[in-house]
Amino acid sequence: MPPRTSANGAAHPPRPRYASIPAAAEMYDVDYKTVRRWIASGLIHGYRIGDRLIKVDLNEIEAKAVQVVPSAGERKPSPARTGR
């Protein structure tokens, strides 16, 4: 799906995808305490809904907390192996 744009063609950021802390933890295969640590450290934002419920934006987790691990063919050789 192409990015959303306004009438003047400016791109809009993607719509937030909110999930509870336990749901986000399950989705990314981490403990709920890890998601709470990400919020406490400022890595991601938590959004309080009412008195008790806290939700997180899954787009923010993907952008800030999820790292892509390169495959063997994508790795850059280390300086020790190239002799430099």
PDB file of N, CA and C in Angstrom:
ATOM      1  N   MET A   1       0.831  -1.160   0.000  1.00  0.00           N
ATOM      2  CA  MET A   1       0.000   0.000   0.000  1.00  0.00           C
ATOM      3  C   MET A   1       0.891   1.244   0.000  1.00  0.00           C
ATOM      4  N   PRO A   2       0.621   2.224  -0.883  1.00  0.00           N
ATOM      5  CA  PRO A   2       1.449   3.428  -0.943  1.00  0.00           C
ATOM      6  C   PRO A   2       1.246   4.292   0.290  1.00  0.00           C
ATOM      7  N   PRO A   3       2.238   5.142   0.612  1.00  0.00           N
ATOM      8  CA  PRO A   3       2.083   6.010   1.780  1.00  0.00           C
ATOM      9  C   PRO A   3       0.928   6.986   1.572  1.00  0.00           C
ATOM     10  N   ARG A   4       0.282   7.360   2.677  1.00  0.00           N
ATOM     11  CA  ARG A   4      -0.802   8.324   2.591  1.00  0.00           C
ATOM     12  C   ARG A   4      -0.237   9.690   2.219  1.00  0.00           C
ATOM     13  N   THR A   5      -0.977  10.442   1.385  1.00  0.00           N
ATOM     14  CA  THR A   5      -0.557  11.783   1.009  1.00  0.00           C
ATOM     15  C   THR A   5      -1.731  12.735   1.159  1.00  0.00           C
ATOM     16  N   SER A   6      -1.410  14.016   1.352  1.00  0.00           N
ATOM     17  CA  SER A   6      -2.445  15.031   1.451  1.00  0.00           C
ATOM     18  C   SER A   6      -2.759  15.553   0.059  1.00  0.00           C
ATOM     19  N   ALA A   7      -3.684  16.500  -0.023  1.00  0.00           N
ATOM     20  CA  ALA A   7      -4.092  17.068  -1.308  1.00  0.00           C
ATOM     21  C   ALA A   7      -2.912  17.729  -2.015  1.00  0.00           C
ATOM     22  N   ASN A   8      -1.954  18.273  -1.255  1.00  0.00           N
ATOM     23  CA  ASN A   8      -0.811  18.923  -1.891  1.00  0.00           C
ATOM     24  C   ASN A   8       0.341  17.948  -2.144  1.00  0.00           C
ATOM     25  N   GLY A   9       0.135  16.674  -1.891  1.00  0.00           N
ATOM     26  CA  GLY A   9       1.145  15.650  -2.184  1.00  0.00           C
ATOM     27  C   GLY A   9       2.124  15.369  -1.062  1.00  0.00           C
ATOM     28  N   ALA A  10       1.991  16.065   0.066  1.00  0.00           N
ATOM     29  CA  ALA A  10       2.901  15.828   1.194  1.00  0.00           C
ATOM     30  C   ALA A  10       2.554  14.489   1.852  1.00  0.00           C
ATOM     31  N   ALA A  11       3.575  13.746   2.193  1.00  0.00           N
ATOM     32  CA  ALA A  11       3.363  12.425   2.809  1.00  0.00           C
ATOM     33  C   ALA A  11       2.978  12.574   4.275  1.00  0.00           C
ATOM     34  N   HIS A  12       2.026  11.780   4.718  1.00  0.00           N
ATOM     35  CA  HIS A  12       1.626  11.719   6.120  1.00  0.00           C
ATOM     36  C   HIS A  12       2.345  10.555   6.777  1.00  0.00           C
ATOM     37  N   PRO A  13       2.650  10.677   8.065  1.00  0.00           N
ATOM     38  CA  PRO A  13       3.210   9.519   8.761  1.00  0.00           C
ATOM     39  C   PRO A  13       2.152   8.413   8.826  1.00  0.00           C
ATOM     40  N   PRO A  14       2.581   7.173   8.959  1.00  0.00           N
ATOM     41  CA  PRO A  14       1.599   6.086   9.042  1.00  0.00           C
ATOM     42  C   PRO A  14       0.718   6.246  10.276  1.00  0.00           C
ATOM     43  N   ARG A  15      -0.510   5.769  10.182  1.00  0.00           N
ATOM     44  CA  ARG A  15      -1.427   5.822  11.320  1.00  0.00           C
ATOM     45  C   ARG A  15      -0.889   4.945  12.440  1.00  0.00           C
ATOM     46  N   PRO A  16      -1.031   5.410  13.683  1.00  0.00           N
ATOM     47  CA  PRO A  16      -0.566   4.580  14.804  1.00  0.00           C
ATOM     48  C   PRO A  16      -1.342   3.266  14.869  1.00  0.00           C
ATOM     49  N   ARG A  17      -0.646   2.216  15.249  1.00  0.00           N
ATOM     50  CA  ARG A  17      -1.267   0.909  15.491  1.00  0.00           C
ATOM     51  C   ARG A  17      -1.066   0.621  16.967  1.00  0.00           C
ATOM     52  N   TYR A  18      -2.079   0.875  17.772  1.00  0.00           N
ATOM     53  CA  TYR A  18      -1.951   0.729  19.214  1.00  0.00           C
ATOM     54  C   TYR A  18      -2.234  -0.701  19.662  1.00  0.00           C
ATOM     55  N   ALA A  19      -1.477  -1.140  20.659  1.00  0.00           N
ATOM     56  CA  ALA A  19      -1.683  -2.454  21.272  1.00  0.00           C
ATOM     57  C   ALA A  19      -1.334  -2.337  22.743  1.00  0.00           C
ATOM     58  N   SER A  20      -1.918  -3.203  23.541  1.00  0.00           N
ATOM     59  CA  SER A  20      -1.587  -3.228  24.967  1.00  0.00           C
ATOM     60  C   SER A  20      -0.152  -3.747  25.128  1.00  0.00           C
ATOM     61  N   ILE A  21       0.406  -3.507  26.291  1.00  0.00           N
ATOM     62  CA  ILE A  21       1.773  -3.969  26.555  1.00  0.00           C
ATOM     63  C   ILE A  21       1.874  -5.491  26.427  1.00  0.00           C
ATOM     64  N   PRO A  22       0.965  -6.272  27.026  1.00  0.00           N
ATOM     65  CA  PRO A  22       1.075  -7.734  26.857  1.00  0.00           C
ATOM     66  C   PRO A  22       0.921  -8.186  25.403  1.00  0.00           C
ATOM     67  N   ALA A  23       0.021  -7.537  24.648  1.00  0.00           N
ATOM     68  CA  ALA A  23      -0.162  -7.920  23.245  1.00  0.00           C
ATOM     69  C   ALA A  23       1.081  -7.592  22.426  1.00  0.00           C
ATOM     70  N   ALA A  24       1.675  -6.423  22.657  1.00  0.00           N
ATOM     71  CA  ALA A  24       2.895  -6.046  21.940  1.00  0.00           C
ATOM     72  C   ALA A  24       4.038  -6.992  22.301  1.00  0.00           C
ATOM     73  N   ALA A  25       4.137  -7.345  23.574  1.00  0.00           N
ATOM     74  CA  ALA A  25       5.191  -8.266  24.006  1.00  0.00           C
ATOM     75  C   ALA A  25       5.054  -9.613  23.308  1.00  0.00           C
ATOM     76  N   GLU A  26       3.830 -10.115  23.229  1.00  0.00           N
ATOM     77  CA  GLU A  26       3.606 -11.394  22.566  1.00  0.00           C
ATOM     78  C   GLU A  26       3.919 -11.298  21.073  1.00  0.00           C
ATOM     79  N   MET A  27       3.551 -10.180  20.467  1.00  0.00           N
ATOM     80  CA  MET A  27       3.769  -9.994  19.039  1.00  0.00           C
ATOM     81  C   MET A  27       5.260 -10.019  18.675  1.00  0.00           C
ATOM     82  N   TYR A  28       6.096  -9.453  19.538  1.00  0.00           N
ATOM     83  CA  TYR A  28       7.535  -9.374  19.269  1.00  0.00           C
ATOM     84  C   TYR A  28       8.339 -10.405  20.060  1.00  0.00           C
ATOM     85  N   ASP A  29       7.637 -11.342  20.685  1.00  0.00           N
ATOM     86  CA  ASP A  29       8.263 -12.456  21.392  1.00  0.00           C
ATOM     87  C   ASP A  29       9.254 -11.992  22.461  1.00  0.00           C
ATOM     88  N   VAL A  30       8.814 -11.013  23.249  1.00  0.00           N
ATOM     89  CA  VAL A  30       9.593 -10.550  24.395  1.00  0.00           C
ATOM     90  C   VAL A  30       8.683 -10.570  25.612  1.00  0.00           C
ATOM     91  N   ASP A  31       9.245 -10.440  26.791  1.00  0.00           N
ATOM     92  CA  ASP A  31       8.459 -10.395  28.015  1.00  0.00           C
ATOM     93  C   ASP A  31       7.806  -9.018  28.143  1.00  0.00           C
ATOM     94  N   TYR A  32       6.656  -8.950  28.784  1.00  0.00           N
ATOM     95  CA  TYR A  32       5.981  -7.665  28.953  1.00  0.00           C
ATOM     96  C   TYR A  32       6.864  -6.682  29.726  1.00  0.00           C
ATOM     97  N   LYS A  33       7.734  -7.208  30.597  1.00  0.00           N
ATOM     98  CA  LYS A  33       8.640  -6.335  31.354  1.00  0.00           C
ATOM     99  C   LYS A  33       9.629  -5.634  30.427  1.00  0.00           C
ATOM    100  N   THR A  34       9.996  -6.285  29.342  1.00  0.00           N
ATOM    101  CA  THR A  34      10.898  -5.667  28.361  1.00  0.00           C
ATOM    102  C   THR A  34      10.226  -4.468  27.718  1.00  0.00           C
ATOM    103  N   VAL A  35       8.961  -4.593  27.343  1.00  0.00           N
ATOM    104  CA  VAL A  35       8.231  -3.469  26.751  1.00  0.00           C
ATOM    105  C   VAL A  35       8.118  -2.338  27.770  1.00  0.00           C
ATOM    106  N   ARG A  36       7.864  -2.676  29.019  1.00  0.00           N
ATOM    107  CA  ARG A  36       7.787  -1.645  30.057  1.00  0.00           C
ATOM    108  C   ARG A  36       9.148  -0.956  30.240  1.00  0.00           C
ATOM    109  N   ARG A  37      10.247  -1.708  30.121  1.00  0.00           N
ATOM    110  CA  ARG A  37      11.591  -1.114  30.207  1.00  0.00           C
ATOM    111  C   ARG A  37      11.839  -0.154  29.048  1.00  0.00           C
ATOM    112  N   TRP A  38      11.380  -0.538  27.838  1.00  0.00           N
ATOM    113  CA  TRP A  38      11.526   0.349  26.673  1.00  0.00           C
ATOM    114  C   TRP A  38      10.815   1.671  26.919  1.00  0.00           C
ATOM    115  N   ILE A  39       9.640   1.614  27.542  1.00  0.00           N
ATOM    116  CA  ILE A  39       8.894   2.842  27.856  1.00  0.00           C
ATOM    117  C   ILE A  39       9.646   3.646  28.923  1.00  0.00           C
ATOM    118  N   ALA A  40      10.072   2.983  29.983  1.00  0.00           N
ATOM    119  CA  ALA A  40      10.766   3.666  31.086  1.00  0.00           C
ATOM    120  C   ALA A  40      12.072   4.320  30.630  1.00  0.00           C
ATOM    121  N   SER A  41      12.761   3.687  29.684  1.00  0.00           N
ATOM    122  CA  SER A  41      14.040   4.228  29.206  1.00  0.00           C
ATOM    123  C   SER A  41      13.854   5.328  28.166  1.00  0.00           C
ATOM    124  N   GLY A  42      12.630   5.494  27.671  1.00  0.00           N
ATOM    125  CA  GLY A  42      12.378   6.517  26.662  1.00  0.00           C
ATOM    126  C   GLY A  42      12.552   6.028  25.241  1.00  0.00           C
ATOM    127  N   LEU A  43      12.833   4.743  25.052  1.00  0.00           N
ATOM    128  CA  LEU A  43      13.001   4.208  23.698  1.00  0.00           C
ATOM    129  C   LEU A  43      11.702   4.316  22.909  1.00  0.00           C
ATOM    130  N   ILE A  44      10.575   4.015  23.561  1.00  0.00           N
ATOM    131  CA  ILE A  44       9.263   4.160  22.945  1.00  0.00           C
ATOM    132  C   ILE A  44       8.347   4.910  23.907  1.00  0.00           C
ATOM    133  N   HIS A  45       7.222   5.376  23.404  1.00  0.00           N
ATOM    134  CA  HIS A  45       6.244   6.067  24.238  1.00  0.00           C
ATOM    135  C   HIS A  45       5.151   5.108  24.676  1.00  0.00           C
ATOM    136  N   GLY A  46       4.640   5.339  25.871  1.00  0.00           N
ATOM    137  CA  GLY A  46       3.460   4.639  26.350  1.00  0.00           C
ATOM    138  C   GLY A  46       2.311   5.628  26.377  1.00  0.00           C
ATOM    139  N   TYR A  47       1.125   5.190  26.003  1.00  0.00           N
ATOM    140  CA  TYR A  47      -0.048   6.057  25.949  1.00  0.00           C
ATOM    141  C   TYR A  47      -1.077   5.535  26.941  1.00  0.00           C
ATOM    142  N   ARG A  48      -1.343   6.326  27.983  1.00  0.00           N
ATOM    143  CA  ARG A  48      -2.275   5.904  29.024  1.00  0.00           C
ATOM    144  C   ARG A  48      -3.704   6.120  28.540  1.00  0.00           C
ATOM    145  N   ILE A  49      -4.506   5.073  28.658  1.00  0.00           N
ATOM    146  CA  ILE A  49      -5.917   5.115  28.322  1.00  0.00           C
ATOM    147  C   ILE A  49      -6.670   4.907  29.635  1.00  0.00           C
ATOM    148  N   GLY A  50      -7.360   5.929  30.103  1.00  0.00           N
ATOM    149  CA  GLY A  50      -8.049   5.820  31.391  1.00  0.00           C
ATOM    150  C   GLY A  50      -7.062   5.817  32.548  1.00  0.00           C
ATOM    151  N   ASP A  51      -7.438   5.135  33.614  1.00  0.00           N
ATOM    152  CA  ASP A  51      -6.610   5.121  34.825  1.00  0.00           C
ATOM    153  C   ASP A  51      -5.493   4.086  34.789  1.00  0.00           C
ATOM    154  N   ARG A  52      -5.705   2.959  34.107  1.00  0.00           N
ATOM    155  CA  ARG A  52      -4.769   1.853  34.242  1.00  0.00           C
ATOM    156  C   ARG A  52      -4.157   1.356  32.946  1.00  0.00           C
ATOM    157  N   LEU A  53      -4.889   1.411  31.853  1.00  0.00           N
ATOM    158  CA  LEU A  53      -4.447   0.800  30.610  1.00  0.00           C
ATOM    159  C   LEU A  53      -3.388   1.645  29.916  1.00  0.00           C
ATOM    160  N   ILE A  54      -2.292   1.008  29.529  1.00  0.00           N
ATOM    161  CA  ILE A  54      -1.227   1.669  28.769  1.00  0.00           C
ATOM    162  C   ILE A  54      -1.097   0.933  27.448  1.00  0.00           C
ATOM    163  N   LYS A  55      -1.069   1.691  26.364  1.00  0.00           N
ATOM    164  CA  LYS A  55      -0.898   1.113  25.035  1.00  0.00           C
ATOM    165  C   LYS A  55       0.371   1.653  24.414  1.00  0.00           C
ATOM    166  N   VAL A  56       0.903   0.921  23.447  1.00  0.00           N
ATOM    167  CA  VAL A  56       2.098   1.332  22.722  1.00  0.00           C
ATOM    168  C   VAL A  56       1.779   1.322  21.236  1.00  0.00           C
ATOM    169  N   ASP A  57       2.527   2.105  20.469  1.00  0.00           N
ATOM    170  CA  ASP A  57       2.364   2.166  19.021  1.00  0.00           C
ATOM    171  C   ASP A  57       3.298   1.126  18.398  1.00  0.00           C
ATOM    172  N   LEU A  58       2.738   0.151  17.723  1.00  0.00           N
ATOM    173  CA  LEU A  58       3.545  -0.916  17.123  1.00  0.00           C
ATOM    174  C   LEU A  58       4.483  -0.377  16.050  1.00  0.00           C
ATOM    175  N   ASN A  59       4.079   0.684  15.354  1.00  0.00           N
ATOM    176  CA  ASN A  59       4.972   1.292  14.355  1.00  0.00           C
ATOM    177  C   ASN A  59       6.232   1.831  15.026  1.00  0.00           C
ATOM    178  N   GLU A  60       6.070   2.405  16.207  1.00  0.00           N
ATOM    179  CA  GLU A  60       7.217   2.949  16.943  1.00  0.00           C
ATOM    180  C   GLU A  60       8.148   1.826  17.415  1.00  0.00           C
ATOM    181  N   ILE A  61       7.579   0.728  17.850  1.00  0.00           N
ATOM    182  CA  ILE A  61       8.412  -0.411  18.257  1.00  0.00           C
ATOM    183  C   ILE A  61       9.211  -0.910  17.055  1.00  0.00           C
ATOM    184  N   GLU A  62       8.562  -1.053  15.916  1.00  0.00           N
ATOM    185  CA  GLU A  62       9.260  -1.543  14.728  1.00  0.00           C
ATOM    186  C   GLU A  62      10.364  -0.588  14.294  1.00  0.00           C
ATOM    187  N   ALA A  63      10.118   0.714  14.422  1.00  0.00           N
ATOM    188  CA  ALA A  63      11.112   1.697  13.993  1.00  0.00           C
ATOM    189  C   ALA A  63      12.286   1.828  14.959  1.00  0.00           C
ATOM    190  N   LYS A  64      12.036   1.656  16.254  1.00  0.00           N
ATOM    191  CA  LYS A  64      13.075   1.954  17.249  1.00  0.00           C
ATOM    192  C   LYS A  64      13.645   0.744  17.969  1.00  0.00           C
ATOM    193  N   ALA A  65      12.872  -0.305  18.134  1.00  0.00           N
ATOM    194  CA  ALA A  65      13.316  -1.412  18.978  1.00  0.00           C
ATOM    195  C   ALA A  65      13.656  -2.671  18.194  1.00  0.00           C
ATOM    196  N   VAL A  66      13.121  -2.809  16.993  1.00  0.00           N
ATOM    197  CA  VAL A  66      13.367  -4.017  16.205  1.00  0.00           C
ATOM    198  C   VAL A  66      14.539  -3.760  15.279  1.00  0.00           C
ATOM    199  N   GLN A  67      15.517  -4.636  15.321  1.00  0.00           N
ATOM    200  CA  GLN A  67      16.691  -4.518  14.458  1.00  0.00           C
ATOM    201  C   GLN A  67      16.724  -5.695  13.497  1.00  0.00           C
ATOM    202  N   VAL A  68      17.036  -5.402  12.246  1.00  0.00           N
ATOM    203  CA  VAL A  68      17.149  -6.447  11.244  1.00  0.00           C
ATOM    204  C   VAL A  68      18.552  -7.038  11.338  1.00  0.00           C
ATOM    205  N   VAL A  69      18.619  -8.341  11.434  1.00  0.00           N
ATOM    206  CA  VAL A  69      19.903  -9.027  11.498  1.00  0.00           C
ATOM    207  C   VAL A  69      20.286  -9.409  10.071  1.00  0.00           C
ATOM    208  N   PRO A  70      21.452  -8.976   9.600  1.00  0.00           N
ATOM    209  CA  PRO A  70      21.818  -9.279   8.214  1.00  0.00           C
ATOM    210  C   PRO A  70      22.086 -10.766   8.015  1.00  0.00           C
ATOM    211  N   SER A  71      21.795 -11.237   6.824  1.00  0.00           N
ATOM    212  CA  SER A  71      22.110 -12.630   6.506  1.00  0.00           C
ATOM    213  C   SER A  71      23.597 -12.721   6.181  1.00  0.00           C
ATOM    214  N   ALA A  72      24.106 -13.929   6.038  1.00  0.00           N
ATOM    215  CA  ALA A  72      25.536 -14.141   5.803  1.00  0.00           C
ATOM    216  C   ALA A  72      26.007 -13.432   4.538  1.00  0.00           C
ATOM    217  N   GLY A  73      25.189 -13.373   3.516  1.00  0.00           N
ATOM    218  CA  GLY A  73      25.575 -12.739   2.266  1.00  0.00           C
ATOM    219  C   GLY A  73      25.598 -11.231   2.334  1.00  0.00           C
ATOM    220  N   GLU A  74      24.980 -10.635   3.353  1.00  0.00           N
ATOM    221  CA  GLU A  74      24.898  -9.183   3.471  1.00  0.00           C
ATOM    222  C   GLU A  74      25.964  -8.605   4.392  1.00  0.00           C
ATOM    223  N   ARG A  75      26.712  -9.433   5.070  1.00  0.00           N
ATOM    224  CA  ARG A  75      27.694  -8.934   6.040  1.00  0.00           C
ATOM    225  C   ARG A  75      28.868  -8.290   5.330  1.00  0.00           C
ATOM    226  N   LYS A  76      29.368  -7.226   5.957  1.00  0.00           N
ATOM    227  CA  LYS A  76      30.578  -6.598   5.471  1.00  0.00           C
ATOM    228  C   LYS A  76      31.744  -7.297   6.144  1.00  0.00           C
ATOM    229  N   PRO A  77      32.827  -7.560   5.413  1.00  0.00           N
ATOM    230  CA  PRO A  77      33.970  -8.217   6.053  1.00  0.00           C
ATOM    231  C   PRO A  77      34.601  -7.303   7.101  1.00  0.00           C
ATOM    232  N   SER A  78      35.005  -7.913   8.191  1.00  0.00           N
ATOM    233  CA  SER A  78      35.658  -7.120   9.242  1.00  0.00           C
ATOM    234  C   SER A  78      37.065  -6.772   8.802  1.00  0.00           C
ATOM    235  N   PRO A  79      37.627  -5.676   9.323  1.00  0.00           N
ATOM    236  CA  PRO A  79      38.989  -5.277   8.934  1.00  0.00           C
ATOM    237  C   PRO A  79      40.016  -6.374   9.222  1.00  0.00           C
ATOM    238  N   ALA A  80      39.822  -7.180  10.250  1.00  0.00           N
ATOM    239  CA  ALA A  80      40.769  -8.250  10.581  1.00  0.00           C
ATOM    240  C   ALA A  80      40.828  -9.292   9.474  1.00  0.00           C
ATOM    241  N   ARG A  81      39.724  -9.557   8.817  1.00  0.00           N
ATOM    242  CA  ARG A  81      39.688 -10.580   7.770  1.00  0.00           C
ATOM    243  C   ARG A  81      40.188 -10.064   6.431  1.00  0.00           C
ATOM    244  N   THR A  82      40.142  -8.758   6.218  1.00  0.00           N
ATOM    245  CA  THR A  82      40.580  -8.215   4.934  1.00  0.00           C
ATOM    246  C   THR A  82      42.045  -7.826   4.954  1.00  0.00           C
ATOM    247  N   GLY A  83      42.647  -7.848   6.128  1.00  0.00           N
ATOM    248  CA  GLY A  83      44.058  -7.533   6.234  1.00  0.00           C
ATOM    249  C   GLY A  83      44.320  -6.040   6.289  1.00  0.00           C
ATOM    250  N   ARG A  84      43.308  -5.240   6.488  1.00  0.00           N
ATOM    251  CA  ARG A  84      43.502  -3.783   6.554  1.00  0.00           C
ATOM    252  C   ARG A  84      43.686  -3.307   7.943  1.00  0.00           C
TER     253      ARG A  84
END
